[in-house]
Amino acid sequence: MTVEATIKFLHLAIAEDVRTLPWRSNCAGEIFSDDGSENGLRIGHFQGDAAIAAFVVAAHDEFQNGG
């Protein structure tokens, strides 16, 4: 299995109600589903590494858009 196929497989393993929402990150490295509320559901935290969190959100957005 290629790396891309593995990542797509893992992305599909995320619960659909979380996977299908847009995600956002903040400067503290936290990732939230963007459900329209002020805070959203906290998905993960990269212990202050905002760059990694932003990368994960960008990868999620790419997969959501068929990438």
PDB file of N, CA and C in Angstrom:
ATOM      1  N   MET A   1       0.855  -1.176   0.000  1.00  0.00           N
ATOM      2  CA  MET A   1       0.000   0.000   0.000  1.00  0.00           C
ATOM      3  C   MET A   1       0.898   1.236   0.000  1.00  0.00           C
ATOM      4  N   THR A   2       0.576   2.185  -0.861  1.00  0.00           N
ATOM      5  CA  THR A   2       1.356   3.412  -0.928  1.00  0.00           C
ATOM      6  C   THR A   2       1.083   4.282   0.300  1.00  0.00           C
ATOM      7  N   VAL A   3       1.946   5.239   0.509  1.00  0.00           N
ATOM      8  CA  VAL A   3       1.752   6.169   1.627  1.00  0.00           C
ATOM      9  C   VAL A   3       0.436   6.922   1.446  1.00  0.00           C
ATOM     10  N   GLU A   4       0.166   7.367   0.228  1.00  0.00           N
ATOM     11  CA  GLU A   4      -1.076   8.099  -0.024  1.00  0.00           C
ATOM     12  C   GLU A   4      -2.299   7.233   0.265  1.00  0.00           C
ATOM     13  N   ALA A   5      -2.261   5.981  -0.167  1.00  0.00           N
ATOM     14  CA  ALA A   5      -3.383   5.072   0.088  1.00  0.00           C
ATOM     15  C   ALA A   5      -3.554   4.821   1.583  1.00  0.00           C
ATOM     16  N   THR A   6      -2.447   4.708   2.301  1.00  0.00           N
ATOM     17  CA  THR A   6      -2.500   4.500   3.747  1.00  0.00           C
ATOM     18  C   THR A   6      -3.131   5.705   4.439  1.00  0.00           C
ATOM     19  N   ILE A   7      -2.722   6.900   4.033  1.00  0.00           N
ATOM     20  CA  ILE A   7      -3.277   8.112   4.642  1.00  0.00           C
ATOM     21  C   ILE A   7      -4.772   8.221   4.353  1.00  0.00           C
ATOM     22  N   LYS A   8      -5.178   7.923   3.112  1.00  0.00           N
ATOM     23  CA  LYS A   8      -6.606   7.961   2.780  1.00  0.00           C
ATOM     24  C   LYS A   8      -7.378   6.937   3.605  1.00  0.00           C
ATOM     25  N   PHE A   9      -6.807   5.749   3.772  1.00  0.00           N
ATOM     26  CA  PHE A   9      -7.441   4.706   4.580  1.00  0.00           C
ATOM     27  C   PHE A   9      -7.620   5.175   6.023  1.00  0.00           C
ATOM     28  N   LEU A  10      -6.571   5.760   6.595  1.00  0.00           N
ATOM     29  CA  LEU A  10      -6.649   6.246   7.973  1.00  0.00           C
ATOM     30  C   LEU A  10      -7.652   7.391   8.095  1.00  0.00           C
ATOM     31  N   HIS A  11      -7.709   8.251   7.096  1.00  0.00           N
ATOM     32  CA  HIS A  11      -8.666   9.357   7.116  1.00  0.00           C
ATOM     33  C   HIS A  11     -10.094   8.824   7.132  1.00  0.00           C
ATOM     34  N   LEU A  12     -10.343   7.766   6.379  1.00  0.00           N
ATOM     35  CA  LEU A  12     -11.680   7.167   6.358  1.00  0.00           C
ATOM     36  C   LEU A  12     -12.039   6.496   7.679  1.00  0.00           C
ATOM     37  N   ALA A  13     -11.037   6.182   8.503  1.00  0.00           N
ATOM     38  CA  ALA A  13     -11.286   5.551   9.797  1.00  0.00           C
ATOM     39  C   ALA A  13     -11.821   6.545  10.831  1.00  0.00           C
ATOM     40  N   ILE A  14     -11.695   7.827  10.548  1.00  0.00           N
ATOM     41  CA  ILE A  14     -12.219   8.854  11.450  1.00  0.00           C
ATOM     42  C   ILE A  14     -13.745   8.845  11.347  1.00  0.00           C
ATOM     43  N   ALA A  15     -14.413   8.984  12.467  1.00  0.00           N
ATOM     44  CA  ALA A  15     -15.882   8.982  12.486  1.00  0.00           C
ATOM     45  C   ALA A  15     -16.424   9.975  11.458  1.00  0.00           C
ATOM     46  N   GLU A  16     -17.421   9.534  10.711  1.00  0.00           N
ATOM     47  CA  GLU A  16     -17.950  10.343   9.607  1.00  0.00           C
ATOM     48  C   GLU A  16     -18.449  11.711  10.055  1.00  0.00           C
ATOM     49  N   ASP A  17     -19.076  11.782  11.233  1.00  0.00           N
ATOM     50  CA  ASP A  17     -19.603  13.073  11.688  1.00  0.00           C
ATOM     51  C   ASP A  17     -18.497  14.064  12.017  1.00  0.00           C
ATOM     52  N   VAL A  18     -17.278  13.594  12.226  1.00  0.00           N
ATOM     53  CA  VAL A  18     -16.121  14.470  12.433  1.00  0.00           C
ATOM     54  C   VAL A  18     -15.374  14.663  11.116  1.00  0.00           C
ATOM     55  N   ARG A  19     -15.215  13.585  10.362  1.00  0.00           N
ATOM     56  CA  ARG A  19     -14.451  13.611   9.111  1.00  0.00           C
ATOM     57  C   ARG A  19     -15.077  14.539   8.077  1.00  0.00           C
ATOM     58  N   THR A  20     -16.401  14.620   8.046  1.00  0.00           N
ATOM     59  CA  THR A  20     -17.069  15.384   6.993  1.00  0.00           C
ATOM     60  C   THR A  20     -17.180  16.880   7.290  1.00  0.00           C
ATOM     61  N   LEU A  21     -16.850  17.292   8.499  1.00  0.00           N
ATOM     62  CA  LEU A  21     -16.861  18.714   8.842  1.00  0.00           C
ATOM     63  C   LEU A  21     -15.533  19.360   8.463  1.00  0.00           C
ATOM     64  N   PRO A  22     -15.538  20.671   8.211  1.00  0.00           N
ATOM     65  CA  PRO A  22     -14.264  21.377   8.053  1.00  0.00           C
ATOM     66  C   PRO A  22     -13.512  21.358   9.387  1.00  0.00           C
ATOM     67  N   TRP A  23     -12.202  21.400   9.328  1.00  0.00           N
ATOM     68  CA  TRP A  23     -11.382  21.454  10.535  1.00  0.00           C
ATOM     69  C   TRP A  23     -10.649  22.776  10.562  1.00  0.00           C
ATOM     70  N   ARG A  24     -10.228  23.181  11.766  1.00  0.00           N
ATOM     71  CA  ARG A  24      -9.403  24.379  11.923  1.00  0.00           C
ATOM     72  C   ARG A  24      -8.409  24.130  13.042  1.00  0.00           C
ATOM     73  N   SER A  25      -7.345  24.901  13.035  1.00  0.00           N
ATOM     74  CA  SER A  25      -6.344  24.778  14.099  1.00  0.00           C
ATOM     75  C   SER A  25      -6.093  26.159  14.682  1.00  0.00           C
ATOM     76  N   ASN A  26      -5.412  26.177  15.820  1.00  0.00           N
ATOM     77  CA  ASN A  26      -5.082  27.458  16.442  1.00  0.00           C
ATOM     78  C   ASN A  26      -3.583  27.526  16.715  1.00  0.00           C
ATOM     79  N   CYS A  27      -3.133  28.637  17.263  1.00  0.00           N
ATOM     80  CA  CYS A  27      -1.704  28.845  17.482  1.00  0.00           C
ATOM     81  C   CYS A  27      -1.138  27.959  18.591  1.00  0.00           C
ATOM     82  N   ALA A  28      -1.994  27.272  19.339  1.00  0.00           N
ATOM     83  CA  ALA A  28      -1.535  26.356  20.390  1.00  0.00           C
ATOM     84  C   ALA A  28      -1.376  24.930  19.874  1.00  0.00           C
ATOM     85  N   GLY A  29      -1.623  24.713  18.580  1.00  0.00           N
ATOM     86  CA  GLY A  29      -1.473  23.386  18.005  1.00  0.00           C
ATOM     87  C   GLY A  29      -2.677  22.488  18.193  1.00  0.00           C
ATOM     88  N   GLU A  30      -3.813  23.070  18.571  1.00  0.00           N
ATOM     89  CA  GLU A  30      -5.030  22.281  18.749  1.00  0.00           C
ATOM     90  C   GLU A  30      -5.803  22.231  17.431  1.00  0.00           C
ATOM     91  N   ILE A  31      -6.480  21.095  17.196  1.00  0.00           N
ATOM     92  CA  ILE A  31      -7.313  20.924  16.011  1.00  0.00           C
ATOM     93  C   ILE A  31      -8.748  20.720  16.467  1.00  0.00           C
ATOM     94  N   PHE A  32      -9.666  21.447  15.822  1.00  0.00           N
ATOM     95  CA  PHE A  32     -11.085  21.370  16.147  1.00  0.00           C
ATOM     96  C   PHE A  32     -11.882  21.117  14.879  1.00  0.00           C
ATOM     97  N   SER A  33     -13.008  20.394  15.014  1.00  0.00           N
ATOM     98  CA  SER A  33     -13.957  20.356  13.910  1.00  0.00           C
ATOM     99  C   SER A  33     -14.704  21.677  13.944  1.00  0.00           C
ATOM    100  N   ASP A  34     -14.973  22.211  12.795  1.00  0.00           N
ATOM    101  CA  ASP A  34     -15.627  23.512  12.706  1.00  0.00           C
ATOM    102  C   ASP A  34     -17.116  23.290  12.498  1.00  0.00           C
ATOM    103  N   ASP A  35     -17.827  23.099  13.603  1.00  0.00           N
ATOM    104  CA  ASP A  35     -19.259  22.791  13.537  1.00  0.00           C
ATOM    105  C   ASP A  35     -20.130  24.036  13.660  1.00  0.00           C
ATOM    106  N   GLY A  36     -19.527  25.204  13.567  1.00  0.00           N
ATOM    107  CA  GLY A  36     -20.271  26.447  13.657  1.00  0.00           C
ATOM    108  C   GLY A  36     -20.318  27.042  15.048  1.00  0.00           C
ATOM    109  N   SER A  37     -19.956  26.248  16.066  1.00  0.00           N
ATOM    110  CA  SER A  37     -19.939  26.783  17.428  1.00  0.00           C
ATOM    111  C   SER A  37     -18.628  27.529  17.658  1.00  0.00           C
ATOM    112  N   GLU A  38     -18.540  28.205  18.784  1.00  0.00           N
ATOM    113  CA  GLU A  38     -17.337  28.985  19.075  1.00  0.00           C
ATOM    114  C   GLU A  38     -16.102  28.098  19.197  1.00  0.00           C
ATOM    115  N   ASN A  39     -16.233  26.955  19.871  1.00  0.00           N
ATOM    116  CA  ASN A  39     -15.075  26.107  20.113  1.00  0.00           C
ATOM    117  C   ASN A  39     -15.001  24.884  19.205  1.00  0.00           C
ATOM    118  N   GLY A  40     -16.108  24.262  18.890  1.00  0.00           N
ATOM    119  CA  GLY A  40     -16.089  23.042  18.094  1.00  0.00           C
ATOM    120  C   GLY A  40     -15.572  21.867  18.908  1.00  0.00           C
ATOM    121  N   LEU A  41     -15.590  20.694  18.299  1.00  0.00           N
ATOM    122  CA  LEU A  41     -15.102  19.486  18.948  1.00  0.00           C
ATOM    123  C   LEU A  41     -13.589  19.420  18.820  1.00  0.00           C
ATOM    124  N   ARG A  42     -12.896  19.301  19.936  1.00  0.00           N
ATOM    125  CA  ARG A  42     -11.437  19.214  19.905  1.00  0.00           C
ATOM    126  C   ARG A  42     -11.043  17.822  19.419  1.00  0.00           C
ATOM    127  N   ILE A  43     -10.342  17.765  18.300  1.00  0.00           N
ATOM    128  CA  ILE A  43      -9.936  16.504  17.686  1.00  0.00           C
ATOM    129  C   ILE A  43      -8.564  16.073  18.178  1.00  0.00           C
ATOM    130  N   GLY A  44      -7.653  17.007  18.281  1.00  0.00           N
ATOM    131  CA  GLY A  44      -6.297  16.644  18.680  1.00  0.00           C
ATOM    132  C   GLY A  44      -5.495  17.850  19.120  1.00  0.00           C
ATOM    133  N   HIS A  45      -4.286  17.565  19.595  1.00  0.00           N
ATOM    134  CA  HIS A  45      -3.405  18.616  20.096  1.00  0.00           C
ATOM    135  C   HIS A  45      -1.968  18.199  19.850  1.00  0.00           C
ATOM    136  N   PHE A  46      -1.190  19.056  19.227  1.00  0.00           N
ATOM    137  CA  PHE A  46       0.206  18.770  18.942  1.00  0.00           C
ATOM    138  C   PHE A  46       1.136  19.519  19.890  1.00  0.00           C
ATOM    139  N   GLN A  47       0.745  19.623  21.126  1.00  0.00           N
ATOM    140  CA  GLN A  47       1.555  20.183  22.212  1.00  0.00           C
ATOM    141  C   GLN A  47       2.296  21.449  21.795  1.00  0.00           C
ATOM    142  N   GLY A  48       1.525  22.419  21.332  1.00  0.00           N
ATOM    143  CA  GLY A  48       2.087  23.722  21.026  1.00  0.00           C
ATOM    144  C   GLY A  48       2.711  23.848  19.652  1.00  0.00           C
ATOM    145  N   ASP A  49       2.653  22.803  18.822  1.00  0.00           N
ATOM    146  CA  ASP A  49       3.246  22.885  17.491  1.00  0.00           C
ATOM    147  C   ASP A  49       2.171  23.239  16.473  1.00  0.00           C
ATOM    148  N   ALA A  50       1.964  24.520  16.293  1.00  0.00           N
ATOM    149  CA  ALA A  50       0.911  25.004  15.403  1.00  0.00           C
ATOM    150  C   ALA A  50       1.172  24.625  13.950  1.00  0.00           C
ATOM    151  N   ALA A  51       2.438  24.499  13.548  1.00  0.00           N
ATOM    152  CA  ALA A  51       2.751  24.154  12.157  1.00  0.00           C
ATOM    153  C   ALA A  51       2.268  22.752  11.814  1.00  0.00           C
ATOM    154  N   ILE A  52       2.455  21.795  12.719  1.00  0.00           N
ATOM    155  CA  ILE A  52       1.986  20.429  12.465  1.00  0.00           C
ATOM    156  C   ILE A  52       0.458  20.405  12.438  1.00  0.00           C
ATOM    157  N   ALA A  53      -0.165  21.102  13.360  1.00  0.00           N
ATOM    158  CA  ALA A  53      -1.628  21.151  13.381  1.00  0.00           C
ATOM    159  C   ALA A  53      -2.163  21.751  12.083  1.00  0.00           C
ATOM    160  N   ALA A  54      -1.536  22.810  11.603  1.00  0.00           N
ATOM    161  CA  ALA A  54      -1.961  23.436  10.347  1.00  0.00           C
ATOM    162  C   ALA A  54      -1.776  22.478   9.177  1.00  0.00           C
ATOM    163  N   PHE A  55      -0.693  21.693   9.191  1.00  0.00           N
ATOM    164  CA  PHE A  55      -0.456  20.697   8.141  1.00  0.00           C
ATOM    165  C   PHE A  55      -1.550  19.634   8.144  1.00  0.00           C
ATOM    166  N   VAL A  56      -1.912  19.142   9.322  1.00  0.00           N
ATOM    167  CA  VAL A  56      -2.956  18.114   9.429  1.00  0.00           C
ATOM    168  C   VAL A  56      -4.289  18.660   8.921  1.00  0.00           C
ATOM    169  N   VAL A  57      -4.611  19.896   9.274  1.00  0.00           N
ATOM    170  CA  VAL A  57      -5.850  20.509   8.798  1.00  0.00           C
ATOM    171  C   VAL A  57      -5.810  20.657   7.274  1.00  0.00           C
ATOM    172  N   ALA A  58      -4.673  21.074   6.723  1.00  0.00           N
ATOM    173  CA  ALA A  58      -4.544  21.207   5.267  1.00  0.00           C
ATOM    174  C   ALA A  58      -4.693  19.854   4.578  1.00  0.00           C
ATOM    175  N   ALA A  59      -4.108  18.800   5.155  1.00  0.00           N
ATOM    176  CA  ALA A  59      -4.241  17.453   4.586  1.00  0.00           C
ATOM    177  C   ALA A  59      -5.697  17.001   4.634  1.00  0.00           C
ATOM    178  N   HIS A  60      -6.369  17.253   5.741  1.00  0.00           N
ATOM    179  CA  HIS A  60      -7.796  16.919   5.859  1.00  0.00           C
ATOM    180  C   HIS A  60      -8.602  17.638   4.779  1.00  0.00           C
ATOM    181  N   ASP A  61      -8.352  18.927   4.616  1.00  0.00           N
ATOM    182  CA  ASP A  61      -9.071  19.704   3.609  1.00  0.00           C
ATOM    183  C   ASP A  61      -8.824  19.147   2.211  1.00  0.00           C
ATOM    184  N   GLU A  62      -7.596  18.745   1.935  1.00  0.00           N
ATOM    185  CA  GLU A  62      -7.249  18.172   0.630  1.00  0.00           C
ATOM    186  C   GLU A  62      -8.039  16.891   0.375  1.00  0.00           C
ATOM    187  N   PHE A  63      -8.120  16.014   1.363  1.00  0.00           N
ATOM    188  CA  PHE A  63      -8.876  14.769   1.207  1.00  0.00           C
ATOM    189  C   PHE A  63     -10.369  15.045   1.066  1.00  0.00           C
ATOM    190  N   GLN A  64     -10.873  16.035   1.786  1.00  0.00           N
ATOM    191  CA  GLN A  64     -12.289  16.380   1.682  1.00  0.00           C
ATOM    192  C   GLN A  64     -12.631  16.897   0.287  1.00  0.00           C
ATOM    193  N   ASN A  65     -11.645  17.497  -0.370  1.00  0.00           N
ATOM    194  CA  ASN A  65     -11.861  18.050  -1.709  1.00  0.00           C
ATOM    195  C   ASN A  65     -11.462  17.075  -2.808  1.00  0.00           C
ATOM    196  N   GLY A  66     -11.277  15.807  -2.438  1.00  0.00           N
ATOM    197  CA  GLY A  66     -10.998  14.776  -3.430  1.00  0.00           C
ATOM    198  C   GLY A  66      -9.545  14.593  -3.786  1.00  0.00           C
ATOM    199  N   GLY A  67      -8.639  15.197  -2.999  1.00  0.00           N
ATOM    200  CA  GLY A  67      -7.210  15.133  -3.304  1.00  0.00           C
ATOM    201  C   GLY A  67      -6.538  13.862  -2.972  1.00  0.00           C
TER     202      GLY A  67
END
